[in-house]
Amino acid sequence: MTDPVARAAALLKDHRDSIDRLDAILVYTLGERFRQTQAVGKLKAEHNLPPSDPTREEAQIARLEELARQADLDPEFAKKFLNFIIQEVIQHHNQHKT
């Protein structure tokens, strides 16, 4: 392929195909993660445990920030992302309490 525009279009398609696969992986991974946290929420409710575990949350955030650095991802973005997920999980855990 010698036409630079056609070559760029082909490369763009390859990148977008890769992004689409990664988006699917993210969605399925989040689905599995939330299935696990739902089980944790039910277990906590059955044993009258608090929905939030700040010590674990801090450790997970620190762990994720380090993983982000290793993956060349902005650790602050990773922290915000995990905090968002944690808040969703806590909401789910609170639903199990009622």
PDB file of N, CA and C in Angstrom:
ATOM      1  N   MET A   1       0.861  -1.170   0.000  1.00  0.00           N
ATOM      2  CA  MET A   1       0.000   0.000   0.000  1.00  0.00           C
ATOM      3  C   MET A   1       0.907   1.233   0.000  1.00  0.00           C
ATOM      4  N   THR A   2       0.868   1.983  -1.072  1.00  0.00           N
ATOM      5  CA  THR A   2       1.752   3.142  -1.190  1.00  0.00           C
ATOM      6  C   THR A   2       1.028   4.453  -0.929  1.00  0.00           C
ATOM      7  N   ASP A   3      -0.282   4.457  -1.068  1.00  0.00           N
ATOM      8  CA  ASP A   3      -1.052   5.683  -0.821  1.00  0.00           C
ATOM      9  C   ASP A   3      -1.052   5.976   0.674  1.00  0.00           C
ATOM     10  N   PRO A   4      -0.469   7.124   1.094  1.00  0.00           N
ATOM     11  CA  PRO A   4      -0.380   7.416   2.528  1.00  0.00           C
ATOM     12  C   PRO A   4      -1.741   7.524   3.220  1.00  0.00           C
ATOM     13  N   VAL A   5      -2.741   8.032   2.533  1.00  0.00           N
ATOM     14  CA  VAL A   5      -4.076   8.171   3.137  1.00  0.00           C
ATOM     15  C   VAL A   5      -4.698   6.791   3.345  1.00  0.00           C
ATOM     16  N   ALA A   6      -4.563   5.924   2.343  1.00  0.00           N
ATOM     17  CA  ALA A   6      -5.111   4.573   2.481  1.00  0.00           C
ATOM     18  C   ALA A   6      -4.370   3.812   3.582  1.00  0.00           C
ATOM     19  N   ARG A   7      -3.055   4.002   3.652  1.00  0.00           N
ATOM     20  CA  ARG A   7      -2.268   3.344   4.705  1.00  0.00           C
ATOM     21  C   ARG A   7      -2.700   3.845   6.083  1.00  0.00           C
ATOM     22  N   ALA A   8      -2.891   5.152   6.210  1.00  0.00           N
ATOM     23  CA  ALA A   8      -3.347   5.724   7.483  1.00  0.00           C
ATOM     24  C   ALA A   8      -4.723   5.177   7.852  1.00  0.00           C
ATOM     25  N   ALA A   9      -5.608   5.058   6.860  1.00  0.00           N
ATOM     26  CA  ALA A   9      -6.956   4.530   7.120  1.00  0.00           C
ATOM     27  C   ALA A   9      -6.879   3.075   7.593  1.00  0.00           C
ATOM     28  N   ALA A  10      -5.997   2.291   6.998  1.00  0.00           N
ATOM     29  CA  ALA A  10      -5.833   0.896   7.416  1.00  0.00           C
ATOM     30  C   ALA A  10      -5.275   0.815   8.838  1.00  0.00           C
ATOM     31  N   LEU A  11      -4.299   1.648   9.135  1.00  0.00           N
ATOM     32  CA  LEU A  11      -3.736   1.672  10.493  1.00  0.00           C
ATOM     33  C   LEU A  11      -4.784   2.112  11.507  1.00  0.00           C
ATOM     34  N   LEU A  12      -5.571   3.112  11.148  1.00  0.00           N
ATOM     35  CA  LEU A  12      -6.640   3.592  12.022  1.00  0.00           C
ATOM     36  C   LEU A  12      -7.645   2.481  12.309  1.00  0.00           C
ATOM     37  N   LYS A  13      -8.004   1.735  11.271  1.00  0.00           N
ATOM     38  CA  LYS A  13      -8.929   0.614  11.455  1.00  0.00           C
ATOM     39  C   LYS A  13      -8.330  -0.420  12.403  1.00  0.00           C
ATOM     40  N   ASP A  14      -7.062  -0.738  12.243  1.00  0.00           N
ATOM     41  CA  ASP A  14      -6.399  -1.699  13.135  1.00  0.00           C
ATOM     42  C   ASP A  14      -6.429  -1.209  14.585  1.00  0.00           C
ATOM     43  N   HIS A  15      -6.122   0.062  14.785  1.00  0.00           N
ATOM     44  CA  HIS A  15      -6.157   0.621  16.146  1.00  0.00           C
ATOM     45  C   HIS A  15      -7.571   0.552  16.720  1.00  0.00           C
ATOM     46  N   ARG A  16      -8.543   0.917  15.921  1.00  0.00           N
ATOM     47  CA  ARG A  16      -9.930   0.899  16.400  1.00  0.00           C
ATOM     48  C   ARG A  16     -10.408  -0.521  16.694  1.00  0.00           C
ATOM     49  N   ASP A  17     -10.003  -1.479  15.866  1.00  0.00           N
ATOM     50  CA  ASP A  17     -10.351  -2.875  16.138  1.00  0.00           C
ATOM     51  C   ASP A  17      -9.762  -3.319  17.474  1.00  0.00           C
ATOM     52  N   SER A  18      -8.537  -2.921  17.732  1.00  0.00           N
ATOM     53  CA  SER A  18      -7.884  -3.254  18.995  1.00  0.00           C
ATOM     54  C   SER A  18      -8.606  -2.596  20.165  1.00  0.00           C
ATOM     55  N   ILE A  19      -8.962  -1.340  20.002  1.00  0.00           N
ATOM     56  CA  ILE A  19      -9.696  -0.612  21.052  1.00  0.00           C
ATOM     57  C   ILE A  19     -11.034  -1.299  21.328  1.00  0.00           C
ATOM     58  N   ASP A  20     -11.731  -1.723  20.271  1.00  0.00           N
ATOM     59  CA  ASP A  20     -13.015  -2.406  20.448  1.00  0.00           C
ATOM     60  C   ASP A  20     -12.847  -3.703  21.243  1.00  0.00           C
ATOM     61  N   ARG A  21     -11.789  -4.470  20.937  1.00  0.00           N
ATOM     62  CA  ARG A  21     -11.525  -5.704  21.688  1.00  0.00           C
ATOM     63  C   ARG A  21     -11.224  -5.388  23.151  1.00  0.00           C
ATOM     64  N   LEU A  22     -10.423  -4.362  23.376  1.00  0.00           N
ATOM     65  CA  LEU A  22     -10.078  -3.988  24.752  1.00  0.00           C
ATOM     66  C   LEU A  22     -11.306  -3.498  25.520  1.00  0.00           C
ATOM     67  N   ASP A  23     -12.179  -2.741  24.852  1.00  0.00           N
ATOM     68  CA  ASP A  23     -13.422  -2.302  25.507  1.00  0.00           C
ATOM     69  C   ASP A  23     -14.263  -3.500  25.924  1.00  0.00           C
ATOM     70  N   ALA A  24     -14.339  -4.508  25.063  1.00  0.00           N
ATOM     71  CA  ALA A  24     -15.097  -5.716  25.403  1.00  0.00           C
ATOM     72  C   ALA A  24     -14.463  -6.417  26.609  1.00  0.00           C
ATOM     73  N   ILE A  25     -13.151  -6.491  26.626  1.00  0.00           N
ATOM     74  CA  ILE A  25     -12.456  -7.103  27.767  1.00  0.00           C
ATOM     75  C   ILE A  25     -12.760  -6.335  29.041  1.00  0.00           C
ATOM     76  N   LEU A  26     -12.723  -5.006  28.975  1.00  0.00           N
ATOM     77  CA  LEU A  26     -13.028  -4.187  30.158  1.00  0.00           C
ATOM     78  C   LEU A  26     -14.441  -4.449  30.669  1.00  0.00           C
ATOM     79  N   VAL A  27     -15.412  -4.490  29.764  1.00  0.00           N
ATOM     80  CA  VAL A  27     -16.805  -4.687  30.169  1.00  0.00           C
ATOM     81  C   VAL A  27     -16.984  -6.056  30.813  1.00  0.00           C
ATOM     82  N   TYR A  28     -16.453  -7.095  30.186  1.00  0.00           N
ATOM     83  CA  TYR A  28     -16.594  -8.437  30.756  1.00  0.00           C
ATOM     84  C   TYR A  28     -15.834  -8.570  32.070  1.00  0.00           C
ATOM     85  N   THR A  29     -14.681  -7.922  32.168  1.00  0.00           N
ATOM     86  CA  THR A  29     -13.898  -7.953  33.409  1.00  0.00           C
ATOM     87  C   THR A  29     -14.648  -7.231  34.524  1.00  0.00           C
ATOM     88  N   LEU A  30     -15.239  -6.078  34.210  1.00  0.00           N
ATOM     89  CA  LEU A  30     -16.023  -5.368  35.225  1.00  0.00           C
ATOM     90  C   LEU A  30     -17.243  -6.182  35.636  1.00  0.00           C
ATOM     91  N   GLY A  31     -17.860  -6.853  34.677  1.00  0.00           N
ATOM     92  CA  GLY A  31     -18.999  -7.711  35.011  1.00  0.00           C
ATOM     93  C   GLY A  31     -18.598  -8.786  36.004  1.00  0.00           C
ATOM     94  N   GLU A  32     -17.477  -9.440  35.764  1.00  0.00           N
ATOM     95  CA  GLU A  32     -16.992 -10.479  36.682  1.00  0.00           C
ATOM     96  C   GLU A  32     -16.612  -9.876  38.030  1.00  0.00           C
ATOM     97  N   ARG A  33     -15.988  -8.709  38.005  1.00  0.00           N
ATOM     98  CA  ARG A  33     -15.608  -8.065  39.264  1.00  0.00           C
ATOM     99  C   ARG A  33     -16.842  -7.774  40.109  1.00  0.00           C
ATOM    100  N   PHE A  34     -17.888  -7.252  39.474  1.00  0.00           N
ATOM    101  CA  PHE A  34     -19.096  -6.927  40.228  1.00  0.00           C
ATOM    102  C   PHE A  34     -19.834  -8.184  40.692  1.00  0.00           C
ATOM    103  N   ARG A  35     -19.751  -9.285  39.957  1.00  0.00           N
ATOM    104  CA  ARG A  35     -20.317 -10.543  40.463  1.00  0.00           C
ATOM    105  C   ARG A  35     -19.608 -10.950  41.753  1.00  0.00           C
ATOM    106  N   GLN A  36     -18.297 -10.789  41.778  1.00  0.00           N
ATOM    107  CA  GLN A  36     -17.533 -11.134  42.984  1.00  0.00           C
ATOM    108  C   GLN A  36     -17.880 -10.198  44.144  1.00  0.00           C
ATOM    109  N   THR A  37     -17.977  -8.906  43.860  1.00  0.00           N
ATOM    110  CA  THR A  37     -18.290  -7.966  44.944  1.00  0.00           C
ATOM    111  C   THR A  37     -19.727  -8.127  45.430  1.00  0.00           C
ATOM    112  N   GLN A  38     -20.631  -8.570  44.547  1.00  0.00           N
ATOM    113  CA  GLN A  38     -21.997  -8.856  44.997  1.00  0.00           C
ATOM    114  C   GLN A  38     -21.971 -10.001  46.008  1.00  0.00           C
ATOM    115  N   ALA A  39     -21.169 -11.022  45.730  1.00  0.00           N
ATOM    116  CA  ALA A  39     -21.042 -12.149  46.666  1.00  0.00           C
ATOM    117  C   ALA A  39     -20.455 -11.674  47.987  1.00  0.00           C
ATOM    118  N   VAL A  40     -19.479 -10.778  47.925  1.00  0.00           N
ATOM    119  CA  VAL A  40     -18.897 -10.215  49.146  1.00  0.00           C
ATOM    120  C   VAL A  40     -19.960  -9.430  49.913  1.00  0.00           C
ATOM    121  N   GLY A  41     -20.756  -8.646  49.201  1.00  0.00           N
ATOM    122  CA  GLY A  41     -21.812  -7.861  49.848  1.00  0.00           C
ATOM    123  C   GLY A  41     -22.819  -8.736  50.562  1.00  0.00           C
ATOM    124  N   LYS A  42     -23.216  -9.838  49.928  1.00  0.00           N
ATOM    125  CA  LYS A  42     -24.160 -10.763  50.566  1.00  0.00           C
ATOM    126  C   LYS A  42     -23.537 -11.386  51.809  1.00  0.00           C
ATOM    127  N   LEU A  43     -22.285 -11.771  51.711  1.00  0.00           N
ATOM    128  CA  LEU A  43     -21.587 -12.365  52.845  1.00  0.00           C
ATOM    129  C   LEU A  43     -21.485 -11.363  53.996  1.00  0.00           C
ATOM    130  N   LYS A  44     -21.144 -10.125  53.671  1.00  0.00           N
ATOM    131  CA  LYS A  44     -21.052  -9.094  54.707  1.00  0.00           C
ATOM    132  C   LYS A  44     -22.414  -8.872  55.361  1.00  0.00           C
ATOM    133  N   ALA A  45     -23.469  -8.841  54.559  1.00  0.00           N
ATOM    134  CA  ALA A  45     -24.809  -8.628  55.108  1.00  0.00           C
ATOM    135  C   ALA A  45     -25.208  -9.787  56.014  1.00  0.00           C
ATOM    136  N   GLU A  46     -24.904 -11.014  55.592  1.00  0.00           N
ATOM    137  CA  GLU A  46     -25.257 -12.184  56.398  1.00  0.00           C
ATOM    138  C   GLU A  46     -24.551 -12.191  57.749  1.00  0.00           C
ATOM    139  N   HIS A  47     -23.367 -11.596  57.791  1.00  0.00           N
ATOM    140  CA  HIS A  47     -22.574 -11.605  59.027  1.00  0.00           C
ATOM    141  C   HIS A  47     -22.503 -10.235  59.686  1.00  0.00           C
ATOM    142  N   ASN A  48     -23.394  -9.342  59.246  1.00  0.00           N
ATOM    143  CA  ASN A  48     -23.510  -8.010  59.831  1.00  0.00           C
ATOM    144  C   ASN A  48     -22.168  -7.261  59.846  1.00  0.00           C
ATOM    145  N   LEU A  49     -21.439  -7.374  58.747  1.00  0.00           N
ATOM    146  CA  LEU A  49     -20.163  -6.663  58.605  1.00  0.00           C
ATOM    147  C   LEU A  49     -20.410  -5.344  57.884  1.00  0.00           C
ATOM    148  N   PRO A  50     -19.582  -4.337  58.134  1.00  0.00           N
ATOM    149  CA  PRO A  50     -19.796  -3.042  57.471  1.00  0.00           C
ATOM    150  C   PRO A  50     -19.572  -3.154  55.958  1.00  0.00           C
ATOM    151  N   PRO A  51     -20.316  -2.367  55.186  1.00  0.00           N
ATOM    152  CA  PRO A  51     -20.185  -2.435  53.729  1.00  0.00           C
ATOM    153  C   PRO A  51     -18.847  -1.904  53.216  1.00  0.00           C
ATOM    154  N   SER A  52     -18.209  -1.069  53.999  1.00  0.00           N
ATOM    155  CA  SER A  52     -16.952  -0.462  53.586  1.00  0.00           C
ATOM    156  C   SER A  52     -15.807  -0.995  54.441  1.00  0.00           C
ATOM    157  N   ASP A  53     -14.642  -1.148  53.829  1.00  0.00           N
ATOM    158  CA  ASP A  53     -13.433  -1.578  54.539  1.00  0.00           C
ATOM    159  C   ASP A  53     -12.311  -0.614  54.152  1.00  0.00           C
ATOM    160  N   PRO A  54     -12.226   0.535  54.856  1.00  0.00           N
ATOM    161  CA  PRO A  54     -11.268   1.573  54.476  1.00  0.00           C
ATOM    162  C   PRO A  54      -9.818   1.091  54.409  1.00  0.00           C
ATOM    163  N   THR A  55      -9.423   0.173  55.277  1.00  0.00           N
ATOM    164  CA  THR A  55      -8.043  -0.319  55.252  1.00  0.00           C
ATOM    165  C   THR A  55      -7.771  -1.052  53.945  1.00  0.00           C
ATOM    166  N   ARG A  56      -8.698  -1.935  53.564  1.00  0.00           N
ATOM    167  CA  ARG A  56      -8.536  -2.653  52.291  1.00  0.00           C
ATOM    168  C   ARG A  56      -8.591  -1.694  51.112  1.00  0.00           C
ATOM    169  N   GLU A  57      -9.495  -0.727  51.174  1.00  0.00           N
ATOM    170  CA  GLU A  57      -9.619   0.228  50.077  1.00  0.00           C
ATOM    171  C   GLU A  57      -8.314   0.996  49.874  1.00  0.00           C
ATOM    172  N   GLU A  58      -7.707   1.444  50.969  1.00  0.00           N
ATOM    173  CA  GLU A  58      -6.423   2.156  50.884  1.00  0.00           C
ATOM    174  C   GLU A  58      -5.350   1.275  50.261  1.00  0.00           C
ATOM    175  N   ALA A  59      -5.291   0.021  50.710  1.00  0.00           N
ATOM    176  CA  ALA A  59      -4.290  -0.908  50.178  1.00  0.00           C
ATOM    177  C   ALA A  59      -4.527  -1.154  48.685  1.00  0.00           C
ATOM    178  N   GLN A  60      -5.782  -1.299  48.300  1.00  0.00           N
ATOM    179  CA  GLN A  60      -6.100  -1.544  46.893  1.00  0.00           C
ATOM    180  C   GLN A  60      -5.743  -0.335  46.029  1.00  0.00           C
ATOM    181  N   ILE A  61      -6.003   0.856  46.543  1.00  0.00           N
ATOM    182  CA  ILE A  61      -5.674   2.063  45.793  1.00  0.00           C
ATOM    183  C   ILE A  61      -4.167   2.162  45.609  1.00  0.00           C
ATOM    184  N   ALA A  62      -3.407   1.922  46.673  1.00  0.00           N
ATOM    185  CA  ALA A  62      -1.945   1.959  46.569  1.00  0.00           C
ATOM    186  C   ALA A  62      -1.453   0.905  45.579  1.00  0.00           C
ATOM    187  N   ARG A  63      -2.024  -0.281  45.652  1.00  0.00           N
ATOM    188  CA  ARG A  63      -1.657  -1.367  44.733  1.00  0.00           C
ATOM    189  C   ARG A  63      -1.957  -0.990  43.293  1.00  0.00           C
ATOM    190  N   LEU A  64      -3.146  -0.424  43.070  1.00  0.00           N
ATOM    191  CA  LEU A  64      -3.537  -0.041  41.717  1.00  0.00           C
ATOM    192  C   LEU A  64      -2.673   1.102  41.185  1.00  0.00           C
ATOM    193  N   GLU A  65      -2.314   2.041  42.048  1.00  0.00           N
ATOM    194  CA  GLU A  65      -1.436   3.128  41.607  1.00  0.00           C
ATOM    195  C   GLU A  65      -0.090   2.569  41.147  1.00  0.00           C
ATOM    196  N   GLU A  66       0.439   1.602  41.877  1.00  0.00           N
ATOM    197  CA  GLU A  66       1.710   0.988  41.479  1.00  0.00           C
ATOM    198  C   GLU A  66       1.552   0.218  40.168  1.00  0.00           C
ATOM    199  N   LEU A  67       0.476  -0.534  40.034  1.00  0.00           N
ATOM    200  CA  LEU A  67       0.220  -1.236  38.773  1.00  0.00           C
ATOM    201  C   LEU A  67       0.102  -0.243  37.617  1.00  0.00           C
ATOM    202  N   ALA A  68      -0.546   0.878  37.871  1.00  0.00           N
ATOM    203  CA  ALA A  68      -0.696   1.905  36.837  1.00  0.00           C
ATOM    204  C   ALA A  68       0.667   2.430  36.402  1.00  0.00           C
ATOM    205  N   ARG A  69       1.532   2.692  37.367  1.00  0.00           N
ATOM    206  CA  ARG A  69       2.878   3.162  37.017  1.00  0.00           C
ATOM    207  C   ARG A  69       3.596   2.120  36.154  1.00  0.00           C
ATOM    208  N   GLN A  70       3.475   0.857  36.546  1.00  0.00           N
ATOM    209  CA  GLN A  70       4.116  -0.216  35.779  1.00  0.00           C
ATOM    210  C   GLN A  70       3.539  -0.327  34.368  1.00  0.00           C
ATOM    211  N   ALA A  71       2.260  -0.018  34.227  1.00  0.00           N
ATOM    212  CA  ALA A  71       1.584  -0.119  32.928  1.00  0.00           C
ATOM    213  C   ALA A  71       1.675   1.181  32.124  1.00  0.00           C
ATOM    214  N   ASP A  72       2.405   2.154  32.659  1.00  0.00           N
ATOM    215  CA  ASP A  72       2.533   3.466  32.006  1.00  0.00           C
ATOM    216  C   ASP A  72       1.178   4.146  31.852  1.00  0.00           C
ATOM    217  N   LEU A  73       0.372   4.030  32.909  1.00  0.00           N
ATOM    218  CA  LEU A  73      -0.943   4.669  32.982  1.00  0.00           C
ATOM    219  C   LEU A  73      -0.883   5.704  34.105  1.00  0.00           C
ATOM    220  N   ASP A  74      -1.540   6.809  33.923  1.00  0.00           N
ATOM    221  CA  ASP A  74      -1.556   7.860  34.938  1.00  0.00           C
ATOM    222  C   ASP A  74      -2.121   7.298  36.245  1.00  0.00           C
ATOM    223  N   PRO A  75      -1.301   7.238  37.308  1.00  0.00           N
ATOM    224  CA  PRO A  75      -1.774   6.686  38.579  1.00  0.00           C
ATOM    225  C   PRO A  75      -2.974   7.446  39.155  1.00  0.00           C
ATOM    226  N   GLU A  76      -3.049   8.731  38.902  1.00  0.00           N
ATOM    227  CA  GLU A  76      -4.185   9.516  39.405  1.00  0.00           C
ATOM    228  C   GLU A  76      -5.477   9.081  38.716  1.00  0.00           C
ATOM    229  N   PHE A  77      -5.401   8.803  37.427  1.00  0.00           N
ATOM    230  CA  PHE A  77      -6.562   8.289  36.701  1.00  0.00           C
ATOM    231  C   PHE A  77      -6.971   6.934  37.275  1.00  0.00           C
ATOM    232  N   ALA A  78      -6.000   6.062  37.500  1.00  0.00           N
ATOM    233  CA  ALA A  78      -6.283   4.727  38.048  1.00  0.00           C
ATOM    234  C   ALA A  78      -6.944   4.852  39.418  1.00  0.00           C
ATOM    235  N   LYS A  79      -6.461   5.785  40.220  1.00  0.00           N
ATOM    236  CA  LYS A  79      -7.031   6.006  41.560  1.00  0.00           C
ATOM    237  C   LYS A  79      -8.488   6.477  41.455  1.00  0.00           C
ATOM    238  N   LYS A  80      -8.748   7.419  40.576  1.00  0.00           N
ATOM    239  CA  LYS A  80     -10.121   7.908  40.385  1.00  0.00           C
ATOM    240  C   LYS A  80     -11.031   6.785  39.908  1.00  0.00           C
ATOM    241  N   PHE A  81     -10.530   5.977  38.985  1.00  0.00           N
ATOM    242  CA  PHE A  81     -11.301   4.864  38.447  1.00  0.00           C
ATOM    243  C   PHE A  81     -11.644   3.864  39.552  1.00  0.00           C
ATOM    244  N   LEU A  82     -10.662   3.495  40.354  1.00  0.00           N
ATOM    245  CA  LEU A  82     -10.919   2.546  41.436  1.00  0.00           C
ATOM    246  C   LEU A  82     -11.846   3.151  42.483  1.00  0.00           C
ATOM    247  N   ASN A  83     -11.676   4.423  42.812  1.00  0.00           N
ATOM    248  CA  ASN A  83     -12.582   5.059  43.769  1.00  0.00           C
ATOM    249  C   ASN A  83     -14.018   5.027  43.267  1.00  0.00           C
ATOM    250  N   PHE A  84     -14.207   5.243  41.963  1.00  0.00           N
ATOM    251  CA  PHE A  84     -15.552   5.163  41.387  1.00  0.00           C
ATOM    252  C   PHE A  84     -16.119   3.759  41.567  1.00  0.00           C
ATOM    253  N   ILE A  85     -15.321   2.756  41.256  1.00  0.00           N
ATOM    254  CA  ILE A  85     -15.767   1.366  41.398  1.00  0.00           C
ATOM    255  C   ILE A  85     -16.077   1.052  42.856  1.00  0.00           C
ATOM    256  N   ILE A  86     -15.215   1.477  43.764  1.00  0.00           N
ATOM    257  CA  ILE A  86     -15.433   1.222  45.194  1.00  0.00           C
ATOM    258  C   ILE A  86     -16.751   1.827  45.657  1.00  0.00           C
ATOM    259  N   GLN A  87     -17.051   3.037  45.223  1.00  0.00           N
ATOM    260  CA  GLN A  87     -18.312   3.672  45.625  1.00  0.00           C
ATOM    261  C   GLN A  87     -19.512   2.887  45.095  1.00  0.00           C
ATOM    262  N   GLU A  88     -19.419   2.373  43.889  1.00  0.00           N
ATOM    263  CA  GLU A  88     -20.488   1.537  43.341  1.00  0.00           C
ATOM    264  C   GLU A  88     -20.648   0.263  44.165  1.00  0.00           C
ATOM    265  N   VAL A  89     -19.538  -0.350  44.520  1.00  0.00           N
ATOM    266  CA  VAL A  89     -19.569  -1.588  45.307  1.00  0.00           C
ATOM    267  C   VAL A  89     -20.200  -1.325  46.669  1.00  0.00           C
ATOM    268  N   ILE A  90     -19.829  -0.228  47.318  1.00  0.00           N
ATOM    269  CA  ILE A  90     -20.394   0.101  48.628  1.00  0.00           C
ATOM    270  C   ILE A  90     -21.905   0.303  48.508  1.00  0.00           C
ATOM    271  N   GLN A  91     -22.346   0.956  47.433  1.00  0.00           N
ATOM    272  CA  GLN A  91     -23.794   1.121  47.212  1.00  0.00           C
ATOM    273  C   GLN A  91     -24.469  -0.242  47.120  1.00  0.00           C
ATOM    274  N   HIS A  92     -23.862  -1.156  46.378  1.00  0.00           N
ATOM    275  CA  HIS A  92     -24.427  -2.504  46.249  1.00  0.00           C
ATOM    276  C   HIS A  92     -24.451  -3.204  47.605  1.00  0.00           C
ATOM    277  N   HIS A  93     -23.374  -3.059  48.371  1.00  0.00           N
ATOM    278  CA  HIS A  93     -23.315  -3.691  49.688  1.00  0.00           C
ATOM    279  C   HIS A  93     -24.392  -3.122  50.607  1.00  0.00           C
ATOM    280  N   ASN A  94     -24.620  -1.835  50.538  1.00  0.00           N
ATOM    281  CA  ASN A  94     -25.674  -1.229  51.362  1.00  0.00           C
ATOM    282  C   ASN A  94     -27.042  -1.746  50.966  1.00  0.00           C
ATOM    283  N   GLN A  95     -27.256  -2.065  49.707  1.00  0.00           N
ATOM    284  CA  GLN A  95     -28.538  -2.631  49.265  1.00  0.00           C
ATOM    285  C   GLN A  95     -28.777  -3.992  49.879  1.00  0.00           C
ATOM    286  N   HIS A  96     -27.723  -4.752  50.115  1.00  0.00           N
ATOM    287  CA  HIS A  96     -27.858  -6.081  50.714  1.00  0.00           C
ATOM    288  C   HIS A  96     -28.226  -6.005  52.195  1.00  0.00           C
ATOM    289  N   LYS A  97     -27.936  -4.878  52.820  1.00  0.00           N
ATOM    290  CA  LYS A  97     -28.214  -4.735  54.250  1.00  0.00           C
ATOM    291  C   LYS A  97     -29.701  -4.615  54.532  1.00  0.00           C
ATOM    292  N   THR A  98     -30.448  -4.118  53.557  1.00  0.00           N
ATOM    293  CA  THR A  98     -31.880  -3.882  53.811  1.00  0.00           C
ATOM    294  C   THR A  98     -32.718  -5.108  53.572  1.00  0.00           C
TER     295      THR A  98
END
